[in-house]
N, C-alpha and C. Protein backbone atom coordinates (compact mmCIF):
# COMPACT_ATOMS: atom_id res chain seq x y z
N MET A 1 24.70 16.41 -15.11
CA MET A 1 23.71 16.75 -14.10
C MET A 1 23.47 18.26 -14.16
N GLU A 2 22.32 18.57 -14.69
CA GLU A 2 21.95 19.96 -14.91
C GLU A 2 21.96 20.78 -13.62
N VAL A 3 21.44 20.20 -12.56
CA VAL A 3 21.36 20.95 -11.29
C VAL A 3 22.76 21.35 -10.82
N HIS A 4 23.71 20.45 -10.87
CA HIS A 4 25.07 20.77 -10.45
C HIS A 4 25.72 21.77 -11.39
N LYS A 5 25.43 21.65 -12.67
CA LYS A 5 25.98 22.59 -13.66
C LYS A 5 25.52 24.02 -13.36
N VAL A 6 24.25 24.17 -12.95
CA VAL A 6 23.71 25.49 -12.68
C VAL A 6 24.14 26.01 -11.31
N LEU A 7 24.04 25.16 -10.27
CA LEU A 7 24.30 25.62 -8.90
C LEU A 7 25.75 25.45 -8.45
N GLY A 8 26.45 24.46 -8.99
CA GLY A 8 27.77 24.15 -8.47
C GLY A 8 27.65 23.46 -7.12
N SER A 9 28.72 23.44 -6.36
CA SER A 9 28.71 22.77 -5.05
C SER A 9 28.63 23.81 -3.93
N GLY A 10 28.41 23.32 -2.72
CA GLY A 10 28.45 24.18 -1.55
C GLY A 10 27.11 24.48 -0.91
N PHE A 11 26.01 24.08 -1.56
CA PHE A 11 24.70 24.31 -0.96
C PHE A 11 24.31 23.13 -0.09
N LEU A 12 23.29 23.32 0.73
CA LEU A 12 22.74 22.23 1.54
C LEU A 12 21.98 21.25 0.65
N GLU A 13 21.81 20.03 1.14
CA GLU A 13 21.08 19.00 0.40
C GLU A 13 19.68 19.48 0.01
N ALA A 14 19.03 20.23 0.90
CA ALA A 14 17.66 20.69 0.64
C ALA A 14 17.58 21.57 -0.60
N VAL A 15 18.61 22.34 -0.87
CA VAL A 15 18.64 23.20 -2.06
C VAL A 15 18.70 22.33 -3.31
N TYR A 16 19.54 21.31 -3.29
CA TYR A 16 19.65 20.42 -4.44
C TYR A 16 18.37 19.62 -4.62
N GLU A 17 17.76 19.21 -3.51
CA GLU A 17 16.50 18.46 -3.59
C GLU A 17 15.42 19.30 -4.27
N GLU A 18 15.27 20.52 -3.83
CA GLU A 18 14.24 21.38 -4.42
C GLU A 18 14.54 21.67 -5.89
N SER A 19 15.79 21.90 -6.21
CA SER A 19 16.18 22.17 -7.59
C SER A 19 15.96 20.95 -8.48
N LEU A 20 16.30 19.78 -7.96
CA LEU A 20 16.09 18.55 -8.72
C LEU A 20 14.60 18.29 -8.94
N ALA A 21 13.77 18.63 -7.96
CA ALA A 21 12.32 18.49 -8.11
C ALA A 21 11.82 19.40 -9.24
N ILE A 22 12.33 20.62 -9.30
CA ILE A 22 11.95 21.53 -10.38
C ILE A 22 12.37 20.94 -11.73
N GLU A 23 13.59 20.45 -11.79
CA GLU A 23 14.12 19.89 -13.04
C GLU A 23 13.30 18.69 -13.49
N MET A 24 12.97 17.77 -12.58
CA MET A 24 12.18 16.60 -12.96
C MET A 24 10.77 17.01 -13.37
N GLY A 25 10.19 17.99 -12.67
CA GLY A 25 8.87 18.48 -13.04
C GLY A 25 8.85 19.06 -14.43
N GLU A 26 9.86 19.84 -14.78
CA GLU A 26 9.95 20.43 -16.11
C GLU A 26 10.12 19.38 -17.20
N ARG A 27 10.66 18.23 -16.82
CA ARG A 27 10.87 17.15 -17.80
C ARG A 27 9.73 16.13 -17.80
N GLY A 28 8.71 16.38 -16.98
CA GLY A 28 7.55 15.49 -16.96
C GLY A 28 7.79 14.17 -16.27
N ILE A 29 8.73 14.13 -15.35
CA ILE A 29 9.04 12.90 -14.61
C ILE A 29 8.21 12.89 -13.33
N ALA A 30 7.47 11.81 -13.11
CA ALA A 30 6.65 11.68 -11.92
C ALA A 30 7.53 11.33 -10.72
N PHE A 31 7.32 12.01 -9.59
CA PHE A 31 8.14 11.76 -8.40
C PHE A 31 7.39 12.20 -7.15
N VAL A 32 7.86 11.70 -6.03
CA VAL A 32 7.40 12.12 -4.71
C VAL A 32 8.64 12.50 -3.92
N THR A 33 8.61 13.67 -3.28
CA THR A 33 9.74 14.05 -2.43
C THR A 33 9.45 13.60 -1.00
N GLN A 34 10.52 13.35 -0.27
CA GLN A 34 10.43 12.91 1.12
C GLN A 34 9.43 11.76 1.25
N ALA A 35 9.59 10.77 0.39
CA ALA A 35 8.70 9.61 0.36
C ALA A 35 8.86 8.79 1.63
N GLU A 36 7.77 8.58 2.33
CA GLU A 36 7.79 7.83 3.58
C GLU A 36 7.86 6.34 3.27
N ILE A 37 8.83 5.67 3.88
CA ILE A 37 9.05 4.25 3.65
C ILE A 37 8.83 3.50 4.97
N PRO A 38 7.80 2.66 5.03
CA PRO A 38 7.57 1.89 6.25
C PRO A 38 8.67 0.84 6.45
N ILE A 39 8.97 0.55 7.69
CA ILE A 39 9.99 -0.44 8.04
C ILE A 39 9.33 -1.57 8.81
N ARG A 40 9.74 -2.78 8.49
CA ARG A 40 9.22 -3.96 9.19
C ARG A 40 10.33 -4.63 9.97
N TYR A 41 9.94 -5.17 11.08
CA TYR A 41 10.81 -6.07 11.84
C TYR A 41 10.02 -7.35 12.00
N LYS A 42 10.52 -8.42 11.42
CA LYS A 42 9.78 -9.67 11.32
C LYS A 42 8.44 -9.35 10.67
N GLN A 43 7.32 -9.69 11.30
CA GLN A 43 6.04 -9.37 10.69
C GLN A 43 5.41 -8.11 11.28
N HIS A 44 6.19 -7.33 11.99
CA HIS A 44 5.66 -6.14 12.66
C HIS A 44 6.05 -4.88 11.90
N LEU A 45 5.07 -4.03 11.71
CA LEU A 45 5.30 -2.73 11.11
C LEU A 45 5.77 -1.79 12.22
N LEU A 46 6.95 -1.21 12.05
CA LEU A 46 7.50 -0.33 13.08
C LEU A 46 6.89 1.06 12.99
N LYS A 47 6.90 1.77 14.10
CA LYS A 47 6.41 3.14 14.12
C LYS A 47 7.36 4.07 13.38
N HIS A 48 8.66 3.78 13.47
CA HIS A 48 9.67 4.60 12.80
C HIS A 48 9.64 4.33 11.30
N LYS A 49 9.76 5.37 10.51
CA LYS A 49 9.80 5.23 9.05
C LYS A 49 11.01 5.96 8.49
N TYR A 50 11.50 5.46 7.37
CA TYR A 50 12.54 6.17 6.63
C TYR A 50 11.87 7.24 5.77
N ARG A 51 12.64 8.21 5.35
CA ARG A 51 12.18 9.19 4.37
C ARG A 51 13.24 9.28 3.27
N ALA A 52 12.88 8.77 2.11
CA ALA A 52 13.78 8.86 0.96
C ALA A 52 13.59 10.23 0.33
N ASP A 53 14.67 10.81 -0.16
CA ASP A 53 14.57 12.12 -0.78
C ASP A 53 13.59 12.11 -1.96
N PHE A 54 13.67 11.07 -2.79
CA PHE A 54 12.77 10.96 -3.94
C PHE A 54 12.36 9.51 -4.16
N LEU A 55 11.12 9.34 -4.57
CA LEU A 55 10.65 8.10 -5.17
C LEU A 55 10.24 8.51 -6.58
N VAL A 56 10.94 7.99 -7.58
CA VAL A 56 10.77 8.43 -8.96
C VAL A 56 10.01 7.37 -9.75
N GLU A 57 8.90 7.82 -10.35
CA GLU A 57 8.07 6.95 -11.19
C GLU A 57 7.63 5.67 -10.47
N ASP A 58 7.57 5.70 -9.15
CA ASP A 58 7.22 4.53 -8.33
C ASP A 58 8.14 3.34 -8.60
N LYS A 59 9.35 3.62 -9.09
CA LYS A 59 10.28 2.55 -9.46
C LYS A 59 11.67 2.70 -8.88
N VAL A 60 12.10 3.93 -8.64
CA VAL A 60 13.49 4.18 -8.24
C VAL A 60 13.52 5.05 -6.99
N VAL A 61 14.27 4.61 -6.00
CA VAL A 61 14.50 5.40 -4.79
C VAL A 61 15.77 6.20 -5.02
N SER A 62 15.72 7.49 -4.70
CA SER A 62 16.88 8.34 -4.91
C SER A 62 17.21 9.10 -3.63
N GLU A 63 18.47 9.12 -3.28
CA GLU A 63 18.95 9.82 -2.09
C GLU A 63 19.98 10.85 -2.51
N ILE A 64 19.86 12.06 -1.96
CA ILE A 64 20.75 13.16 -2.31
C ILE A 64 21.73 13.42 -1.18
N LYS A 65 22.96 13.67 -1.56
CA LYS A 65 24.00 14.07 -0.61
C LYS A 65 24.70 15.31 -1.16
N ALA A 66 25.32 16.07 -0.27
CA ALA A 66 26.13 17.22 -0.66
C ALA A 66 27.39 17.17 0.19
N VAL A 67 28.24 16.19 -0.11
CA VAL A 67 29.43 15.92 0.68
C VAL A 67 30.65 15.86 -0.23
N VAL A 68 31.84 15.86 0.37
CA VAL A 68 33.07 15.79 -0.42
C VAL A 68 33.13 14.48 -1.20
N SER A 69 32.79 13.38 -0.54
CA SER A 69 32.83 12.07 -1.19
C SER A 69 31.80 11.14 -0.55
N LEU A 70 31.21 10.29 -1.36
CA LEU A 70 30.25 9.32 -0.84
C LEU A 70 30.96 8.25 -0.03
N THR A 71 30.25 7.70 0.94
CA THR A 71 30.82 6.68 1.82
C THR A 71 30.03 5.38 1.68
N ASP A 72 30.56 4.33 2.30
CA ASP A 72 29.85 3.05 2.35
C ASP A 72 28.54 3.20 3.12
N ALA A 73 28.51 4.07 4.12
CA ALA A 73 27.28 4.29 4.89
C ALA A 73 26.19 4.90 3.99
N ASP A 74 26.57 5.77 3.07
CA ASP A 74 25.61 6.35 2.14
C ASP A 74 25.01 5.27 1.24
N SER A 75 25.86 4.38 0.75
CA SER A 75 25.39 3.26 -0.08
C SER A 75 24.49 2.34 0.71
N ALA A 76 24.86 2.07 1.96
CA ALA A 76 24.04 1.20 2.82
C ALA A 76 22.66 1.81 3.05
N GLN A 77 22.60 3.12 3.17
CA GLN A 77 21.32 3.80 3.36
C GLN A 77 20.39 3.52 2.17
N VAL A 78 20.91 3.64 0.97
CA VAL A 78 20.09 3.38 -0.22
C VAL A 78 19.69 1.92 -0.29
N LEU A 79 20.61 1.02 0.03
CA LEU A 79 20.27 -0.41 0.02
C LEU A 79 19.18 -0.72 1.04
N ASN A 80 19.21 -0.07 2.19
CA ASN A 80 18.14 -0.27 3.18
C ASN A 80 16.81 0.23 2.66
N TYR A 81 16.80 1.35 1.95
CA TYR A 81 15.57 1.85 1.33
C TYR A 81 15.03 0.81 0.34
N LEU A 82 15.92 0.20 -0.41
CA LEU A 82 15.49 -0.80 -1.38
C LEU A 82 14.93 -2.04 -0.69
N LYS A 83 15.58 -2.47 0.38
CA LYS A 83 15.07 -3.61 1.13
C LYS A 83 13.69 -3.31 1.70
N ALA A 84 13.51 -2.11 2.21
CA ALA A 84 12.24 -1.74 2.84
C ALA A 84 11.11 -1.59 1.83
N THR A 85 11.43 -1.11 0.63
CA THR A 85 10.39 -0.90 -0.37
C THR A 85 10.16 -2.11 -1.28
N GLY A 86 11.17 -2.96 -1.40
CA GLY A 86 11.09 -4.05 -2.34
C GLY A 86 11.43 -3.62 -3.77
N LEU A 87 11.80 -2.36 -3.93
CA LEU A 87 12.19 -1.88 -5.26
C LEU A 87 13.60 -2.35 -5.58
N PRO A 88 13.89 -2.60 -6.85
CA PRO A 88 15.20 -3.14 -7.19
C PRO A 88 16.31 -2.11 -7.39
N VAL A 89 15.97 -0.84 -7.70
CA VAL A 89 17.01 0.11 -8.10
C VAL A 89 16.95 1.39 -7.27
N GLY A 90 18.13 1.84 -6.86
CA GLY A 90 18.25 3.11 -6.15
C GLY A 90 19.40 3.91 -6.73
N LEU A 91 19.27 5.23 -6.63
CA LEU A 91 20.33 6.12 -7.08
C LEU A 91 20.80 6.99 -5.92
N LEU A 92 22.09 7.09 -5.79
CA LEU A 92 22.71 7.94 -4.79
C LEU A 92 23.39 9.08 -5.55
N LEU A 93 22.91 10.31 -5.32
CA LEU A 93 23.41 11.47 -6.04
C LEU A 93 24.15 12.39 -5.10
N ASN A 94 25.40 12.69 -5.43
CA ASN A 94 26.20 13.58 -4.60
C ASN A 94 26.48 14.88 -5.36
N PHE A 95 26.05 16.00 -4.76
CA PHE A 95 26.25 17.31 -5.36
C PHE A 95 27.44 18.03 -4.73
N GLY A 96 28.43 17.25 -4.28
CA GLY A 96 29.63 17.83 -3.68
C GLY A 96 30.52 18.47 -4.74
N PRO A 97 31.76 18.83 -4.36
CA PRO A 97 32.68 19.50 -5.28
C PRO A 97 32.89 18.74 -6.59
N LYS A 98 32.93 17.42 -6.50
CA LYS A 98 33.02 16.59 -7.70
C LYS A 98 31.75 15.74 -7.73
N PRO A 99 30.78 16.09 -8.60
CA PRO A 99 29.51 15.37 -8.59
C PRO A 99 29.70 13.88 -8.84
N GLN A 100 28.94 13.08 -8.11
CA GLN A 100 29.01 11.63 -8.23
C GLN A 100 27.60 11.08 -8.25
N PHE A 101 27.43 9.94 -8.90
CA PHE A 101 26.20 9.21 -8.74
C PHE A 101 26.53 7.73 -8.74
N LYS A 102 25.80 7.01 -7.93
CA LYS A 102 26.00 5.57 -7.83
C LYS A 102 24.64 4.90 -7.94
N ARG A 103 24.60 3.87 -8.74
CA ARG A 103 23.39 3.06 -8.90
C ARG A 103 23.53 1.87 -7.96
N ARG A 104 22.50 1.60 -7.19
CA ARG A 104 22.50 0.46 -6.29
C ARG A 104 21.34 -0.45 -6.66
N VAL A 105 21.59 -1.76 -6.61
CA VAL A 105 20.59 -2.74 -6.99
C VAL A 105 20.41 -3.72 -5.85
N HIS A 106 19.15 -4.10 -5.62
CA HIS A 106 18.83 -5.10 -4.60
C HIS A 106 17.93 -6.14 -5.25
N SER A 107 18.16 -7.39 -4.91
CA SER A 107 17.41 -8.49 -5.54
C SER A 107 15.93 -8.45 -5.19
N GLY A 108 15.58 -7.83 -4.06
CA GLY A 108 14.18 -7.79 -3.65
C GLY A 108 13.71 -9.09 -3.03
N LYS A 109 14.61 -10.05 -2.91
CA LYS A 109 14.24 -11.34 -2.33
C LYS A 109 14.42 -11.30 -0.82
N ASP A 110 13.57 -10.56 -0.18
CA ASP A 110 13.63 -10.40 1.26
C ASP A 110 12.33 -10.95 1.85
N PRO A 111 12.40 -12.00 2.65
CA PRO A 111 11.17 -12.60 3.17
C PRO A 111 10.36 -11.64 4.04
N LEU A 112 10.98 -10.62 4.60
CA LEU A 112 10.24 -9.68 5.45
C LEU A 112 9.28 -8.83 4.64
N LEU A 113 9.59 -8.62 3.37
CA LEU A 113 8.73 -7.77 2.55
C LEU A 113 7.41 -8.45 2.21
N SER A 114 7.41 -9.76 2.14
CA SER A 114 6.19 -10.46 1.77
C SER A 114 5.46 -11.05 2.97
N ALA A 115 6.04 -10.92 4.15
CA ALA A 115 5.40 -11.48 5.35
C ALA A 115 4.17 -10.68 5.73
N PRO A 116 3.14 -11.34 6.21
CA PRO A 116 1.95 -10.60 6.64
C PRO A 116 2.27 -9.73 7.85
N ILE A 117 1.60 -8.62 7.94
CA ILE A 117 1.83 -7.70 9.06
C ILE A 117 0.94 -8.11 10.22
N ARG A 118 1.55 -8.28 11.39
CA ARG A 118 0.80 -8.59 12.61
C ARG A 118 0.64 -7.31 13.41
N PRO A 119 -0.41 -7.26 14.24
CA PRO A 119 -0.56 -6.06 15.09
C PRO A 119 0.66 -5.88 15.96
N TYR A 120 1.00 -4.63 16.20
CA TYR A 120 2.14 -4.29 17.04
C TYR A 120 1.86 -4.80 18.45
N PRO A 121 2.77 -5.57 19.05
CA PRO A 121 2.50 -6.12 20.39
C PRO A 121 2.49 -5.05 21.45
N ARG A 122 1.62 -5.23 22.40
CA ARG A 122 1.57 -4.28 23.52
C ARG A 122 2.66 -4.65 24.52
N SER A 123 3.28 -3.63 25.05
CA SER A 123 4.33 -3.90 26.03
C SER A 123 3.71 -4.24 27.36
N LYS A 124 4.36 -5.11 28.07
CA LYS A 124 3.90 -5.51 29.40
C LYS A 124 4.72 -4.77 30.43
N THR A 125 4.07 -4.24 31.42
CA THR A 125 4.81 -3.55 32.48
C THR A 125 4.71 -4.36 33.75
N ASN A 126 5.80 -4.40 34.45
CA ASN A 126 5.83 -5.09 35.75
C ASN A 126 5.43 -4.12 36.84
N VAL A 127 4.44 -4.49 37.60
CA VAL A 127 3.97 -3.60 38.68
C VAL A 127 4.31 -4.20 40.01
């Protein structure tokens, strides 16, 4: 990992994100930073959205961490991004003291992803 080799550990995630964007740009890799991911509940599109650190080549969701060690919660975050996007592959990159990367795969067989979107229901107030 070139970015870790140059910077080492100890910076904030935002520093690694920006550096990785420069590195991918120099290598001609298409990406979007802070890619907005819509979330559905049943057939309803929620107002809240996830933001993945990178969407690479419209195929891979990538999340950056700068922690001592990756956790199950970090892996779950990437799997949720995959469920929400329908993409099969995600990468979890840790720029901590000992660099780590984990590949996560999701089958994409989620009925919520293919369900039609219904208008958001209006809340009823009791007067």
